[in-house]
N, C-alpha and C. Protein backbone atom coordinates (compact mmCIF):
# COMPACT_ATOMS: atom_id res chain seq x y z
N MET A 1 0.85 -1.19 0.00
CA MET A 1 0.00 0.00 0.00
C MET A 1 0.89 1.24 0.00
N THR A 2 0.57 2.19 -0.85
CA THR A 2 1.32 3.43 -0.91
C THR A 2 0.58 4.49 -0.10
N PHE A 3 1.33 5.18 0.74
CA PHE A 3 0.75 6.25 1.55
C PHE A 3 1.01 7.58 0.86
N ASP A 4 -0.05 8.36 0.68
CA ASP A 4 0.06 9.69 0.09
C ASP A 4 -0.24 10.71 1.19
N TRP A 5 0.80 11.38 1.64
CA TRP A 5 0.67 12.36 2.71
C TRP A 5 0.36 13.75 2.18
N THR A 6 0.11 13.89 0.86
CA THR A 6 -0.11 15.21 0.28
C THR A 6 -1.58 15.59 0.14
N HIS A 7 -2.47 14.59 0.13
CA HIS A 7 -3.90 14.90 0.11
C HIS A 7 -4.69 13.70 0.66
N GLY A 8 -5.95 13.94 0.94
CA GLY A 8 -6.78 12.88 1.49
C GLY A 8 -6.64 12.78 3.02
N PRO A 9 -7.16 11.70 3.60
CA PRO A 9 -7.19 11.58 5.05
C PRO A 9 -5.82 11.58 5.73
N LEU A 10 -4.80 11.04 5.06
CA LEU A 10 -3.47 11.07 5.68
C LEU A 10 -2.96 12.50 5.79
N ALA A 11 -3.14 13.28 4.74
CA ALA A 11 -2.73 14.69 4.76
C ALA A 11 -3.55 15.48 5.77
N GLU A 12 -4.86 15.22 5.82
CA GLU A 12 -5.71 15.92 6.79
C GLU A 12 -5.27 15.60 8.22
N GLY A 13 -5.01 14.33 8.48
CA GLY A 13 -4.56 13.94 9.81
C GLY A 13 -3.22 14.55 10.17
N LEU A 14 -2.31 14.60 9.21
CA LEU A 14 -1.00 15.19 9.45
C LEU A 14 -1.13 16.68 9.76
N HIS A 15 -1.98 17.37 9.00
CA HIS A 15 -2.22 18.79 9.27
C HIS A 15 -2.79 18.97 10.67
N ASP A 16 -3.80 18.17 11.01
CA ASP A 16 -4.40 18.26 12.35
C ASP A 16 -3.37 17.99 13.44
N TYR A 17 -2.54 16.97 13.24
CA TYR A 17 -1.51 16.63 14.21
C TYR A 17 -0.55 17.81 14.40
N ASN A 18 -0.12 18.38 13.30
CA ASN A 18 0.86 19.48 13.37
C ASN A 18 0.32 20.74 14.01
N ILE A 19 -0.99 20.93 14.02
CA ILE A 19 -1.56 22.11 14.70
C ILE A 19 -2.11 21.77 16.08
N GLY A 20 -1.85 20.53 16.53
CA GLY A 20 -2.25 20.14 17.88
C GLY A 20 -3.68 19.66 18.02
N GLU A 21 -4.32 19.37 16.92
CA GLU A 21 -5.69 18.83 16.95
C GLU A 21 -5.59 17.30 16.91
N PHE A 22 -5.19 16.73 18.04
CA PHE A 22 -4.82 15.32 18.08
C PHE A 22 -6.01 14.38 17.90
N PHE A 23 -7.15 14.72 18.44
CA PHE A 23 -8.31 13.85 18.26
C PHE A 23 -8.74 13.83 16.80
N ALA A 24 -8.71 14.99 16.15
CA ALA A 24 -9.07 15.05 14.72
C ALA A 24 -8.07 14.26 13.88
N ALA A 25 -6.78 14.32 14.23
CA ALA A 25 -5.77 13.53 13.51
C ALA A 25 -6.06 12.04 13.66
N HIS A 26 -6.39 11.66 14.86
CA HIS A 26 -6.75 10.26 15.13
C HIS A 26 -7.91 9.82 14.25
N GLU A 27 -8.93 10.63 14.16
CA GLU A 27 -10.11 10.30 13.36
C GLU A 27 -9.76 10.16 11.87
N ALA A 28 -8.96 11.08 11.37
CA ALA A 28 -8.59 11.04 9.95
C ALA A 28 -7.78 9.79 9.64
N TRP A 29 -6.79 9.49 10.47
CA TRP A 29 -5.94 8.33 10.22
C TRP A 29 -6.67 7.02 10.46
N GLU A 30 -7.62 7.03 11.37
CA GLU A 30 -8.38 5.81 11.64
C GLU A 30 -9.18 5.39 10.40
N SER A 31 -9.63 6.35 9.62
CA SER A 31 -10.39 6.01 8.42
C SER A 31 -9.53 5.22 7.42
N VAL A 32 -8.24 5.48 7.40
CA VAL A 32 -7.32 4.73 6.53
C VAL A 32 -6.96 3.39 7.19
N TRP A 33 -6.74 3.43 8.49
CA TRP A 33 -6.36 2.24 9.26
C TRP A 33 -7.39 1.13 9.11
N LEU A 34 -8.66 1.48 9.07
CA LEU A 34 -9.72 0.47 9.01
C LEU A 34 -9.59 -0.47 7.82
N THR A 35 -9.08 0.02 6.70
CA THR A 35 -8.98 -0.81 5.49
C THR A 35 -7.55 -1.14 5.08
N ALA A 36 -6.58 -0.69 5.86
CA ALA A 36 -5.17 -0.91 5.51
C ALA A 36 -4.78 -2.37 5.71
N PRO A 37 -3.94 -2.91 4.82
CA PRO A 37 -3.40 -4.25 5.01
C PRO A 37 -2.20 -4.19 5.97
N GLN A 38 -1.76 -5.35 6.41
CA GLN A 38 -0.52 -5.40 7.18
C GLN A 38 0.65 -5.29 6.22
N PRO A 39 1.75 -4.74 6.58
CA PRO A 39 2.14 -4.22 7.89
C PRO A 39 1.75 -2.75 8.10
N GLU A 40 1.15 -2.13 7.09
CA GLU A 40 0.76 -0.72 7.21
C GLU A 40 -0.27 -0.50 8.32
N LYS A 41 -1.15 -1.47 8.53
CA LYS A 41 -2.20 -1.33 9.54
C LYS A 41 -1.60 -1.13 10.93
N THR A 42 -0.63 -1.95 11.29
CA THR A 42 -0.01 -1.82 12.61
C THR A 42 0.81 -0.54 12.70
N PHE A 43 1.44 -0.15 11.61
CA PHE A 43 2.19 1.11 11.59
C PHE A 43 1.25 2.28 11.86
N LEU A 44 0.12 2.31 11.16
CA LEU A 44 -0.87 3.38 11.39
C LEU A 44 -1.40 3.33 12.82
N GLN A 45 -1.58 2.15 13.35
CA GLN A 45 -2.05 2.03 14.73
C GLN A 45 -1.05 2.71 15.68
N GLY A 46 0.25 2.53 15.42
CA GLY A 46 1.25 3.21 16.23
C GLY A 46 1.15 4.72 16.13
N LEU A 47 0.97 5.24 14.90
CA LEU A 47 0.81 6.69 14.73
C LEU A 47 -0.45 7.18 15.45
N ILE A 48 -1.51 6.43 15.35
CA ILE A 48 -2.76 6.81 16.01
C ILE A 48 -2.58 6.82 17.52
N GLN A 49 -1.83 5.86 18.05
CA GLN A 49 -1.59 5.85 19.49
C GLN A 49 -0.81 7.08 19.94
N VAL A 50 0.09 7.56 19.10
CA VAL A 50 0.80 8.80 19.43
C VAL A 50 -0.19 9.96 19.51
N THR A 51 -1.10 10.05 18.56
CA THR A 51 -2.07 11.15 18.58
C THR A 51 -2.97 11.07 19.81
N VAL A 52 -3.41 9.86 20.13
CA VAL A 52 -4.29 9.70 21.29
C VAL A 52 -3.52 10.00 22.58
N ALA A 53 -2.22 9.65 22.61
CA ALA A 53 -1.40 9.95 23.79
C ALA A 53 -1.39 11.46 24.06
N PHE A 54 -1.23 12.24 23.00
CA PHE A 54 -1.19 13.69 23.21
C PHE A 54 -2.57 14.27 23.48
N HIS A 55 -3.60 13.61 23.02
CA HIS A 55 -4.96 13.99 23.41
C HIS A 55 -5.11 13.79 24.92
N HIS A 56 -4.62 12.66 25.42
CA HIS A 56 -4.66 12.39 26.87
C HIS A 56 -3.83 13.41 27.64
N LEU A 57 -2.67 13.77 27.10
CA LEU A 57 -1.82 14.74 27.78
C LEU A 57 -2.54 16.07 27.94
N HIS A 58 -3.26 16.50 26.90
CA HIS A 58 -4.00 17.76 26.99
C HIS A 58 -5.17 17.67 27.97
N ARG A 59 -5.55 16.45 28.32
CA ARG A 59 -6.60 16.25 29.31
C ARG A 59 -6.01 15.93 30.68
N ASN A 60 -4.70 16.21 30.84
CA ASN A 60 -3.96 16.01 32.09
C ASN A 60 -3.94 14.56 32.56
N ASN A 61 -3.88 13.63 31.61
CA ASN A 61 -3.80 12.20 31.94
C ASN A 61 -2.40 11.71 31.58
N SER A 62 -1.44 12.00 32.46
CA SER A 62 -0.05 11.66 32.21
C SER A 62 0.16 10.15 32.12
N LEU A 63 -0.51 9.39 32.97
CA LEU A 63 -0.36 7.93 32.95
C LEU A 63 -0.86 7.35 31.62
N GLY A 64 -2.01 7.82 31.16
CA GLY A 64 -2.54 7.38 29.87
C GLY A 64 -1.61 7.75 28.73
N THR A 65 -1.01 8.93 28.81
CA THR A 65 -0.05 9.37 27.81
C THR A 65 1.14 8.44 27.77
N GLN A 66 1.70 8.14 28.94
CA GLN A 66 2.87 7.26 29.01
C GLN A 66 2.55 5.87 28.46
N ARG A 67 1.44 5.31 28.85
CA ARG A 67 1.07 3.97 28.40
C ARG A 67 0.92 3.91 26.88
N LEU A 68 0.25 4.90 26.31
CA LEU A 68 0.05 4.92 24.86
C LEU A 68 1.36 5.15 24.11
N LEU A 69 2.23 6.00 24.64
CA LEU A 69 3.52 6.22 23.98
C LEU A 69 4.38 4.96 24.03
N HIS A 70 4.36 4.25 25.16
CA HIS A 70 5.10 2.99 25.23
C HIS A 70 4.55 1.98 24.22
N SER A 71 3.25 1.90 24.12
CA SER A 71 2.63 0.97 23.18
C SER A 71 2.96 1.35 21.74
N ALA A 72 2.89 2.63 21.44
CA ALA A 72 3.22 3.10 20.09
C ALA A 72 4.68 2.79 19.76
N LEU A 73 5.56 3.04 20.71
CA LEU A 73 6.98 2.80 20.49
C LEU A 73 7.25 1.32 20.21
N ARG A 74 6.61 0.43 20.98
CA ARG A 74 6.79 -1.01 20.74
C ARG A 74 6.40 -1.39 19.32
N LYS A 75 5.35 -0.78 18.81
CA LYS A 75 4.92 -1.07 17.43
C LYS A 75 5.87 -0.45 16.41
N LEU A 76 6.16 0.83 16.57
CA LEU A 76 6.87 1.59 15.55
C LEU A 76 8.35 1.21 15.43
N GLU A 77 8.98 0.84 16.54
CA GLU A 77 10.41 0.57 16.48
C GLU A 77 10.74 -0.73 15.74
N THR A 78 9.72 -1.50 15.38
CA THR A 78 9.95 -2.73 14.61
C THR A 78 10.04 -2.46 13.11
N TYR A 79 9.74 -1.24 12.69
CA TYR A 79 9.73 -0.90 11.27
C TYR A 79 11.10 -0.38 10.82
N PRO A 80 11.37 -0.46 9.51
CA PRO A 80 12.63 0.08 8.99
C PRO A 80 12.72 1.60 9.21
N PRO A 81 13.93 2.16 9.08
CA PRO A 81 14.12 3.60 9.34
C PRO A 81 13.21 4.53 8.54
N ASN A 82 12.80 4.10 7.36
CA ASN A 82 11.86 4.89 6.57
C ASN A 82 10.76 3.93 6.13
N PHE A 83 9.55 4.18 6.62
CA PHE A 83 8.43 3.30 6.28
C PHE A 83 7.23 4.16 5.95
N CYS A 84 6.57 3.84 4.86
CA CYS A 84 5.39 4.60 4.41
C CYS A 84 5.68 6.09 4.27
N GLY A 85 6.94 6.40 3.94
CA GLY A 85 7.32 7.80 3.75
C GLY A 85 7.59 8.56 5.03
N ILE A 86 7.64 7.87 6.17
CA ILE A 86 7.86 8.53 7.46
C ILE A 86 9.25 8.19 7.98
N ASP A 87 9.94 9.17 8.55
CA ASP A 87 11.23 8.95 9.19
C ASP A 87 10.96 8.29 10.54
N VAL A 88 10.99 6.97 10.55
CA VAL A 88 10.64 6.19 11.75
C VAL A 88 11.70 6.36 12.83
N THR A 89 12.96 6.46 12.44
CA THR A 89 14.02 6.64 13.42
C THR A 89 13.82 7.93 14.22
N LEU A 90 13.58 9.02 13.52
CA LEU A 90 13.32 10.31 14.18
C LEU A 90 12.09 10.22 15.08
N LEU A 91 11.04 9.63 14.57
CA LEU A 91 9.79 9.50 15.33
C LEU A 91 10.03 8.72 16.62
N CYS A 92 10.69 7.58 16.52
CA CYS A 92 10.92 6.75 17.72
C CYS A 92 11.84 7.46 18.72
N ASN A 93 12.86 8.16 18.21
CA ASN A 93 13.74 8.91 19.12
C ASN A 93 12.97 10.00 19.85
N ASP A 94 12.09 10.68 19.14
CA ASP A 94 11.26 11.72 19.77
C ASP A 94 10.34 11.11 20.83
N ILE A 95 9.78 9.95 20.55
CA ILE A 95 8.91 9.29 21.54
C ILE A 95 9.72 8.93 22.77
N ARG A 96 10.90 8.35 22.58
CA ARG A 96 11.76 7.99 23.72
C ARG A 96 12.10 9.22 24.56
N ASN A 97 12.45 10.33 23.90
CA ASN A 97 12.76 11.55 24.63
C ASN A 97 11.55 12.08 25.39
N GLY A 98 10.38 11.99 24.78
CA GLY A 98 9.16 12.41 25.46
C GLY A 98 8.88 11.56 26.69
N LEU A 99 9.08 10.26 26.55
CA LEU A 99 8.86 9.36 27.69
C LEU A 99 9.83 9.68 28.83
N LYS A 100 11.09 9.97 28.49
CA LYS A 100 12.07 10.35 29.53
C LYS A 100 11.60 11.59 30.27
N SER A 101 11.07 12.55 29.52
CA SER A 101 10.58 13.79 30.14
C SER A 101 9.38 13.51 31.04
N LEU A 102 8.46 12.67 30.58
CA LEU A 102 7.28 12.36 31.38
C LEU A 102 7.63 11.58 32.64
N GLU A 103 8.66 10.74 32.54
CA GLU A 103 9.01 9.87 33.65
C GLU A 103 10.06 10.49 34.57
N SER A 104 10.51 11.71 34.26
CA SER A 104 11.49 12.38 35.12
C SER A 104 10.79 12.89 36.38
N ASP A 105 11.60 13.24 37.37
CA ASP A 105 11.05 13.73 38.63
C ASP A 105 11.59 15.13 38.88
N PRO A 106 10.79 16.16 38.80
CA PRO A 106 9.38 16.17 38.41
C PRO A 106 9.24 16.06 36.89
N PRO A 107 8.06 15.62 36.44
CA PRO A 107 7.83 15.50 35.00
C PRO A 107 7.93 16.86 34.31
N THR A 108 8.42 16.84 33.09
CA THR A 108 8.47 18.06 32.29
C THR A 108 7.04 18.44 31.93
N SER A 109 6.69 19.68 32.18
CA SER A 109 5.30 20.09 31.97
C SER A 109 4.97 20.32 30.49
N GLN A 110 5.95 20.75 29.72
CA GLN A 110 5.68 21.07 28.32
C GLN A 110 6.34 20.01 27.43
N LEU A 111 5.55 19.09 26.93
CA LEU A 111 6.06 18.01 26.10
C LEU A 111 5.78 18.33 24.64
N ILE A 112 6.81 18.24 23.82
CA ILE A 112 6.67 18.52 22.39
C ILE A 112 6.28 17.22 21.68
N PRO A 113 5.24 17.26 20.87
CA PRO A 113 4.83 16.05 20.14
C PRO A 113 5.94 15.55 19.23
N PRO A 114 6.09 14.23 19.11
CA PRO A 114 7.08 13.67 18.19
C PRO A 114 6.86 14.15 16.77
N GLN A 115 7.96 14.24 16.03
CA GLN A 115 7.88 14.68 14.64
C GLN A 115 7.43 13.52 13.75
N ILE A 116 6.37 13.76 13.01
CA ILE A 116 5.93 12.82 12.01
C ILE A 116 6.15 13.53 10.67
N ASN A 117 7.31 13.22 10.08
CA ASN A 117 7.76 13.94 8.89
C ASN A 117 7.76 13.06 7.67
N PRO A 118 6.77 13.19 6.80
CA PRO A 118 6.82 12.44 5.54
C PRO A 118 7.86 13.05 4.61
N HIS A 119 8.47 12.20 3.82
CA HIS A 119 9.40 12.70 2.79
C HIS A 119 9.31 11.84 1.56
């Protein structure tokens, strides 16, 4: 399956993600996830978990954020460095750094969403 991040639901979700509309990004990407074959389906599930994690963070649910980021990382780190046009290495490194910030004492209050950069 070829992912087109320039138009359609993937592009809409990416735009929503980049402006901090995480629930809307989740909804847009879920529409693609529902019909995606493997291994793209699990990859999209990881991206969706990242969006939902930041939705939880904005609702002050740090534990939910951590759990979803861990789950997303377990899925995403199994993929090659570039998958479906996304820099997976950068994405996973950003998730790991975010988790370190959340798990620090005291937790970092301002967490930057991981970069999801199609190329």
